[in-house]
Amino acid sequence: MMKFRVEGMTCGGCARGVTNAVLAIDPEAEVAVDLAAKSVAVRSNASADRIRSAIDEAGYRAVVSD
């Protein structure tokens, strides 16, 4: 499971946008957004860099976290 801190995610619409960005590159991914913690956990076959880029392209800033 990869974890990312996501800056700029403030509402349910943002959470959907981040989820949809990940699912666009891997429709089979499991995505769990924690809006209060501004984080997202992803189980995917895509690389962490590709997921981070997809979230960034959706208008947010993602940073891989521990």
PDB file of N, CA and C in Angstrom:
ATOM      1  N   MET A   1       0.858  -1.179   0.000  1.00  0.00           N
ATOM      2  CA  MET A   1       0.000   0.000   0.000  1.00  0.00           C
ATOM      3  C   MET A   1       0.896   1.231   0.000  1.00  0.00           C
ATOM      4  N   MET A   2       0.667   2.119  -0.960  1.00  0.00           N
ATOM      5  CA  MET A   2       1.411   3.376  -1.044  1.00  0.00           C
ATOM      6  C   MET A   2       0.599   4.465  -0.367  1.00  0.00           C
ATOM      7  N   LYS A   3       1.283   5.364   0.322  1.00  0.00           N
ATOM      8  CA  LYS A   3       0.599   6.465   1.000  1.00  0.00           C
ATOM      9  C   LYS A   3       1.149   7.790   0.495  1.00  0.00           C
ATOM     10  N   PHE A   4       0.235   8.744   0.328  1.00  0.00           N
ATOM     11  CA  PHE A   4       0.595  10.068  -0.156  1.00  0.00           C
ATOM     12  C   PHE A   4      -0.064  11.125   0.721  1.00  0.00           C
ATOM     13  N   ARG A   5       0.668  12.200   0.984  1.00  0.00           N
ATOM     14  CA  ARG A   5       0.081  13.386   1.596  1.00  0.00           C
ATOM     15  C   ARG A   5      -0.352  14.255   0.423  1.00  0.00           C
ATOM     16  N   VAL A   6      -1.580  14.771   0.468  1.00  0.00           N
ATOM     17  CA  VAL A   6      -2.122  15.521  -0.668  1.00  0.00           C
ATOM     18  C   VAL A   6      -2.501  16.925  -0.206  1.00  0.00           C
ATOM     19  N   GLU A   7      -1.767  17.920  -0.682  1.00  0.00           N
ATOM     20  CA  GLU A   7      -2.057  19.314  -0.357  1.00  0.00           C
ATOM     21  C   GLU A   7      -3.129  19.845  -1.296  1.00  0.00           C
ATOM     22  N   GLY A   8      -4.030  20.650  -0.745  1.00  0.00           N
ATOM     23  CA  GLY A   8      -5.076  21.269  -1.554  1.00  0.00           C
ATOM     24  C   GLY A   8      -6.383  20.500  -1.564  1.00  0.00           C
ATOM     25  N   MET A   9      -6.422  19.376  -0.881  1.00  0.00           N
ATOM     26  CA  MET A   9      -7.632  18.547  -0.817  1.00  0.00           C
ATOM     27  C   MET A   9      -8.459  19.012   0.384  1.00  0.00           C
ATOM     28  N   THR A  10      -9.606  19.661   0.117  1.00  0.00           N
ATOM     29  CA  THR A  10     -10.355  20.284   1.204  1.00  0.00           C
ATOM     30  C   THR A  10     -11.807  19.821   1.346  1.00  0.00           C
ATOM     31  N   CYS A  11     -12.318  19.060   0.370  1.00  0.00           N
ATOM     32  CA  CYS A  11     -13.739  18.711   0.416  1.00  0.00           C
ATOM     33  C   CYS A  11     -13.986  17.358  -0.250  1.00  0.00           C
ATOM     34  N   GLY A  12     -15.216  16.917  -0.199  1.00  0.00           N
ATOM     35  CA  GLY A  12     -15.581  15.653  -0.822  1.00  0.00           C
ATOM     36  C   GLY A  12     -15.341  15.653  -2.325  1.00  0.00           C
ATOM     37  N   GLY A  13     -15.555  16.802  -2.960  1.00  0.00           N
ATOM     38  CA  GLY A  13     -15.292  16.904  -4.393  1.00  0.00           C
ATOM     39  C   GLY A  13     -13.813  16.707  -4.691  1.00  0.00           C
ATOM     40  N   CYS A  14     -12.972  17.250  -3.834  1.00  0.00           N
ATOM     41  CA  CYS A  14     -11.518  17.064  -3.985  1.00  0.00           C
ATOM     42  C   CYS A  14     -11.164  15.586  -3.833  1.00  0.00           C
ATOM     43  N   ALA A  15     -11.756  14.945  -2.840  1.00  0.00           N
ATOM     44  CA  ALA A  15     -11.485  13.521  -2.607  1.00  0.00           C
ATOM     45  C   ALA A  15     -11.885  12.698  -3.824  1.00  0.00           C
ATOM     46  N   ARG A  16     -13.033  13.023  -4.432  1.00  0.00           N
ATOM     47  CA  ARG A  16     -13.467  12.330  -5.654  1.00  0.00           C
ATOM     48  C   ARG A  16     -12.504  12.593  -6.797  1.00  0.00           C
ATOM     49  N   GLY A  17     -12.024  13.837  -6.897  1.00  0.00           N
ATOM     50  CA  GLY A  17     -11.082  14.180  -7.949  1.00  0.00           C
ATOM     51  C   GLY A  17      -9.782  13.399  -7.837  1.00  0.00           C
ATOM     52  N   VAL A  18      -9.273  13.258  -6.615  1.00  0.00           N
ATOM     53  CA  VAL A  18      -8.044  12.490  -6.386  1.00  0.00           C
ATOM     54  C   VAL A  18      -8.296  11.022  -6.697  1.00  0.00           C
ATOM     55  N   THR A  19      -9.420  10.492  -6.223  1.00  0.00           N
ATOM     56  CA  THR A  19      -9.757   9.093  -6.482  1.00  0.00           C
ATOM     57  C   THR A  19      -9.869   8.835  -7.978  1.00  0.00           C
ATOM     58  N   ASN A  20     -10.575   9.704  -8.681  1.00  0.00           N
ATOM     59  CA  ASN A  20     -10.753   9.538 -10.127  1.00  0.00           C
ATOM     60  C   ASN A  20      -9.434   9.639 -10.875  1.00  0.00           C
ATOM     61  N   ALA A  21      -8.517  10.484 -10.410  1.00  0.00           N
ATOM     62  CA  ALA A  21      -7.209  10.614 -11.057  1.00  0.00           C
ATOM     63  C   ALA A  21      -6.439   9.305 -10.969  1.00  0.00           C
ATOM     64  N   VAL A  22      -6.498   8.665  -9.796  1.00  0.00           N
ATOM     65  CA  VAL A  22      -5.803   7.386  -9.625  1.00  0.00           C
ATOM     66  C   VAL A  22      -6.479   6.303 -10.467  1.00  0.00           C
ATOM     67  N   LEU A  23      -7.801   6.255 -10.433  1.00  0.00           N
ATOM     68  CA  LEU A  23      -8.525   5.227 -11.176  1.00  0.00           C
ATOM     69  C   LEU A  23      -8.376   5.398 -12.688  1.00  0.00           C
ATOM     70  N   ALA A  24      -8.090   6.604 -13.145  1.00  0.00           N
ATOM     71  CA  ALA A  24      -7.890   6.834 -14.575  1.00  0.00           C
ATOM     72  C   ALA A  24      -6.637   6.124 -15.078  1.00  0.00           C
ATOM     73  N   ILE A  25      -5.631   5.981 -14.222  1.00  0.00           N
ATOM     74  CA  ILE A  25      -4.416   5.294 -14.663  1.00  0.00           C
ATOM     75  C   ILE A  25      -4.424   3.817 -14.290  1.00  0.00           C
ATOM     76  N   ASP A  26      -5.241   3.443 -13.292  1.00  0.00           N
ATOM     77  CA  ASP A  26      -5.371   2.034 -12.905  1.00  0.00           C
ATOM     78  C   ASP A  26      -6.782   1.786 -12.393  1.00  0.00           C
ATOM     79  N   PRO A  27      -7.692   1.376 -13.284  1.00  0.00           N
ATOM     80  CA  PRO A  27      -9.083   1.159 -12.890  1.00  0.00           C
ATOM     81  C   PRO A  27      -9.267   0.096 -11.808  1.00  0.00           C
ATOM     82  N   GLU A  28      -8.268  -0.745 -11.612  1.00  0.00           N
ATOM     83  CA  GLU A  28      -8.345  -1.806 -10.600  1.00  0.00           C
ATOM     84  C   GLU A  28      -7.782  -1.368  -9.241  1.00  0.00           C
ATOM     85  N   ALA A  29      -7.293  -0.148  -9.146  1.00  0.00           N
ATOM     86  CA  ALA A  29      -6.660   0.327  -7.907  1.00  0.00           C
ATOM     87  C   ALA A  29      -7.673   0.408  -6.769  1.00  0.00           C
ATOM     88  N   GLU A  30      -7.174   0.211  -5.560  1.00  0.00           N
ATOM     89  CA  GLU A  30      -7.948   0.458  -4.344  1.00  0.00           C
ATOM     90  C   GLU A  30      -7.467   1.787  -3.792  1.00  0.00           C
ATOM     91  N   VAL A  31      -8.403   2.720  -3.579  1.00  0.00           N
ATOM     92  CA  VAL A  31      -8.051   4.070  -3.138  1.00  0.00           C
ATOM     93  C   VAL A  31      -8.826   4.384  -1.869  1.00  0.00           C
ATOM     94  N   ALA A  32      -8.102   4.796  -0.820  1.00  0.00           N
ATOM     95  CA  ALA A  32      -8.734   5.180   0.446  1.00  0.00           C
ATOM     96  C   ALA A  32      -8.270   6.594   0.786  1.00  0.00           C
ATOM     97  N   VAL A  33      -9.207   7.541   0.729  1.00  0.00           N
ATOM     98  CA  VAL A  33      -8.902   8.940   1.018  1.00  0.00           C
ATOM     99  C   VAL A  33      -9.260   9.251   2.463  1.00  0.00           C
ATOM    100  N   ASP A  34      -8.344   9.915   3.172  1.00  0.00           N
ATOM    101  CA  ASP A  34      -8.608  10.427   4.525  1.00  0.00           C
ATOM    102  C   ASP A  34      -8.565  11.941   4.404  1.00  0.00           C
ATOM    103  N   LEU A  35      -9.734  12.521   4.242  1.00  0.00           N
ATOM    104  CA  LEU A  35      -9.822  13.960   3.990  1.00  0.00           C
ATOM    105  C   LEU A  35      -9.282  14.762   5.171  1.00  0.00           C
ATOM    106  N   ALA A  36      -9.596  14.350   6.398  1.00  0.00           N
ATOM    107  CA  ALA A  36      -9.141  15.080   7.582  1.00  0.00           C
ATOM    108  C   ALA A  36      -7.623  15.108   7.672  1.00  0.00           C
ATOM    109  N   ALA A  37      -6.977  14.012   7.313  1.00  0.00           N
ATOM    110  CA  ALA A  37      -5.506  13.924   7.364  1.00  0.00           C
ATOM    111  C   ALA A  37      -4.861  14.396   6.073  1.00  0.00           C
ATOM    112  N   LYS A  38      -5.692  14.735   5.078  1.00  0.00           N
ATOM    113  CA  LYS A  38      -5.203  15.139   3.747  1.00  0.00           C
ATOM    114  C   LYS A  38      -4.231  14.096   3.201  1.00  0.00           C
ATOM    115  N   SER A  39      -4.690  12.846   3.242  1.00  0.00           N
ATOM    116  CA  SER A  39      -3.839  11.760   2.755  1.00  0.00           C
ATOM    117  C   SER A  39      -4.666  10.776   1.941  1.00  0.00           C
ATOM    118  N   VAL A  40      -3.954   9.976   1.158  1.00  0.00           N
ATOM    119  CA  VAL A  40      -4.595   8.936   0.366  1.00  0.00           C
ATOM    120  C   VAL A  40      -3.687   7.709   0.379  1.00  0.00           C
ATOM    121  N   ALA A  41      -4.303   6.560   0.548  1.00  0.00           N
ATOM    122  CA  ALA A  41      -3.593   5.284   0.484  1.00  0.00           C
ATOM    123  C   ALA A  41      -4.054   4.576  -0.779  1.00  0.00           C
ATOM    124  N   VAL A  42      -3.100   4.022  -1.524  1.00  0.00           N
ATOM    125  CA  VAL A  42      -3.413   3.411  -2.811  1.00  0.00           C
ATOM    126  C   VAL A  42      -2.746   2.045  -2.914  1.00  0.00           C
ATOM    127  N   ARG A  43      -3.540   1.060  -3.296  1.00  0.00           N
ATOM    128  CA  ARG A  43      -2.990  -0.252  -3.660  1.00  0.00           C
ATOM    129  C   ARG A  43      -3.170  -0.362  -5.168  1.00  0.00           C
ATOM    130  N   SER A  44      -2.035  -0.427  -5.894  1.00  0.00           N
ATOM    131  CA  SER A  44      -2.085  -0.378  -7.346  1.00  0.00           C
ATOM    132  C   SER A  44      -0.848  -1.035  -7.935  1.00  0.00           C
ATOM    133  N   ASN A  45      -0.963  -1.459  -9.182  1.00  0.00           N
ATOM    134  CA  ASN A  45       0.187  -1.961  -9.920  1.00  0.00           C
ATOM    135  C   ASN A  45       0.971  -0.821 -10.568  1.00  0.00           C
ATOM    136  N   ALA A  46       0.394   0.382 -10.585  1.00  0.00           N
ATOM    137  CA  ALA A  46       1.093   1.544 -11.130  1.00  0.00           C
ATOM    138  C   ALA A  46       2.177   1.985 -10.145  1.00  0.00           C
ATOM    139  N   SER A  47       3.194   2.638 -10.666  1.00  0.00           N
ATOM    140  CA  SER A  47       4.282   3.103  -9.802  1.00  0.00           C
ATOM    141  C   SER A  47       3.830   4.291  -8.952  1.00  0.00           C
ATOM    142  N   ALA A  48       4.529   4.493  -7.845  1.00  0.00           N
ATOM    143  CA  ALA A  48       4.245   5.638  -6.973  1.00  0.00           C
ATOM    144  C   ALA A  48       4.430   6.942  -7.733  1.00  0.00           C
ATOM    145  N   ASP A  49       5.443   7.016  -8.603  1.00  0.00           N
ATOM    146  CA  ASP A  49       5.676   8.231  -9.382  1.00  0.00           C
ATOM    147  C   ASP A  49       4.519   8.510 -10.327  1.00  0.00           C
ATOM    148  N   ARG A  50       3.981   7.467 -10.957  1.00  0.00           N
ATOM    149  CA  ARG A  50       2.855   7.659 -11.886  1.00  0.00           C
ATOM    150  C   ARG A  50       1.609   8.104 -11.141  1.00  0.00           C
ATOM    151  N   ILE A  51       1.363   7.539  -9.977  1.00  0.00           N
ATOM    152  CA  ILE A  51       0.203   7.941  -9.176  1.00  0.00           C
ATOM    153  C   ILE A  51       0.362   9.379  -8.704  1.00  0.00           C
ATOM    154  N   ARG A  52       1.550   9.715  -8.208  1.00  0.00           N
ATOM    155  CA  ARG A  52       1.810  11.080  -7.763  1.00  0.00           C
ATOM    156  C   ARG A  52       1.596  12.068  -8.908  1.00  0.00           C
ATOM    157  N   SER A  53       2.085  11.745 -10.077  1.00  0.00           N
ATOM    158  CA  SER A  53       1.912  12.611 -11.248  1.00  0.00           C
ATOM    159  C   SER A  53       0.436  12.782 -11.603  1.00  0.00           C
ATOM    160  N   ALA A  54      -0.326  11.700 -11.534  1.00  0.00           N
ATOM    161  CA  ALA A  54      -1.756  11.779 -11.859  1.00  0.00           C
ATOM    162  C   ALA A  54      -2.489  12.689 -10.878  1.00  0.00           C
ATOM    163  N   ILE A  55      -2.148  12.587  -9.595  1.00  0.00           N
ATOM    164  CA  ILE A  55      -2.778  13.451  -8.588  1.00  0.00           C
ATOM    165  C   ILE A  55      -2.366  14.904  -8.827  1.00  0.00           C
ATOM    166  N   ASP A  56      -1.080  15.123  -9.118  1.00  0.00           N
ATOM    167  CA  ASP A  56      -0.610  16.485  -9.418  1.00  0.00           C
ATOM    168  C   ASP A  56      -1.328  17.057 -10.634  1.00  0.00           C
ATOM    169  N   GLU A  57      -1.500  16.246 -11.675  1.00  0.00           N
ATOM    170  CA  GLU A  57      -2.173  16.699 -12.895  1.00  0.00           C
ATOM    171  C   GLU A  57      -3.642  17.033 -12.644  1.00  0.00           C
ATOM    172  N   ALA A  58      -4.227  16.446 -11.588  1.00  0.00           N
ATOM    173  CA  ALA A  58      -5.618  16.739 -11.237  1.00  0.00           C
ATOM    174  C   ALA A  58      -5.740  18.058 -10.467  1.00  0.00           C
ATOM    175  N   GLY A  59      -4.595  18.675 -10.159  1.00  0.00           N
ATOM    176  CA  GLY A  59      -4.637  19.984  -9.512  1.00  0.00           C
ATOM    177  C   GLY A  59      -4.256  19.990  -8.044  1.00  0.00           C
ATOM    178  N   TYR A  60      -3.716  18.904  -7.558  1.00  0.00           N
ATOM    179  CA  TYR A  60      -3.299  18.800  -6.164  1.00  0.00           C
ATOM    180  C   TYR A  60      -1.801  18.567  -6.118  1.00  0.00           C
ATOM    181  N   ARG A  61      -1.224  18.639  -4.937  1.00  0.00           N
ATOM    182  CA  ARG A  61       0.214  18.362  -4.794  1.00  0.00           C
ATOM    183  C   ARG A  61       0.351  17.128  -3.918  1.00  0.00           C
ATOM    184  N   ALA A  62       0.854  16.056  -4.495  1.00  0.00           N
ATOM    185  CA  ALA A  62       1.005  14.799  -3.764  1.00  0.00           C
ATOM    186  C   ALA A  62       2.472  14.567  -3.432  1.00  0.00           C
ATOM    187  N   VAL A  63       2.704  14.095  -2.215  1.00  0.00           N
ATOM    188  CA  VAL A  63       4.050  13.750  -1.760  1.00  0.00           C
ATOM    189  C   VAL A  63       3.967  12.363  -1.153  1.00  0.00           C
ATOM    190  N   VAL A  64       4.878  11.479  -1.565  1.00  0.00           N
ATOM    191  CA  VAL A  64       4.909  10.137  -1.002  1.00  0.00           C
ATOM    192  C   VAL A  64       5.243  10.250   0.485  1.00  0.00           C
ATOM    193  N   SER A  65       4.470   9.561   1.319  1.00  0.00           N
ATOM    194  CA  SER A  65       4.725   9.584   2.762  1.00  0.00           C
ATOM    195  C   SER A  65       4.949   8.165   3.259  1.00  0.00           C
ATOM    196  N   ASP A  66       5.439   8.063   4.476  1.00  0.00           N
ATOM    197  CA  ASP A  66       5.730   6.744   5.069  1.00  0.00           C
ATOM    198  C   ASP A  66       4.466   6.058   5.518  1.00  0.00           C
TER     199      ASP A  66
END
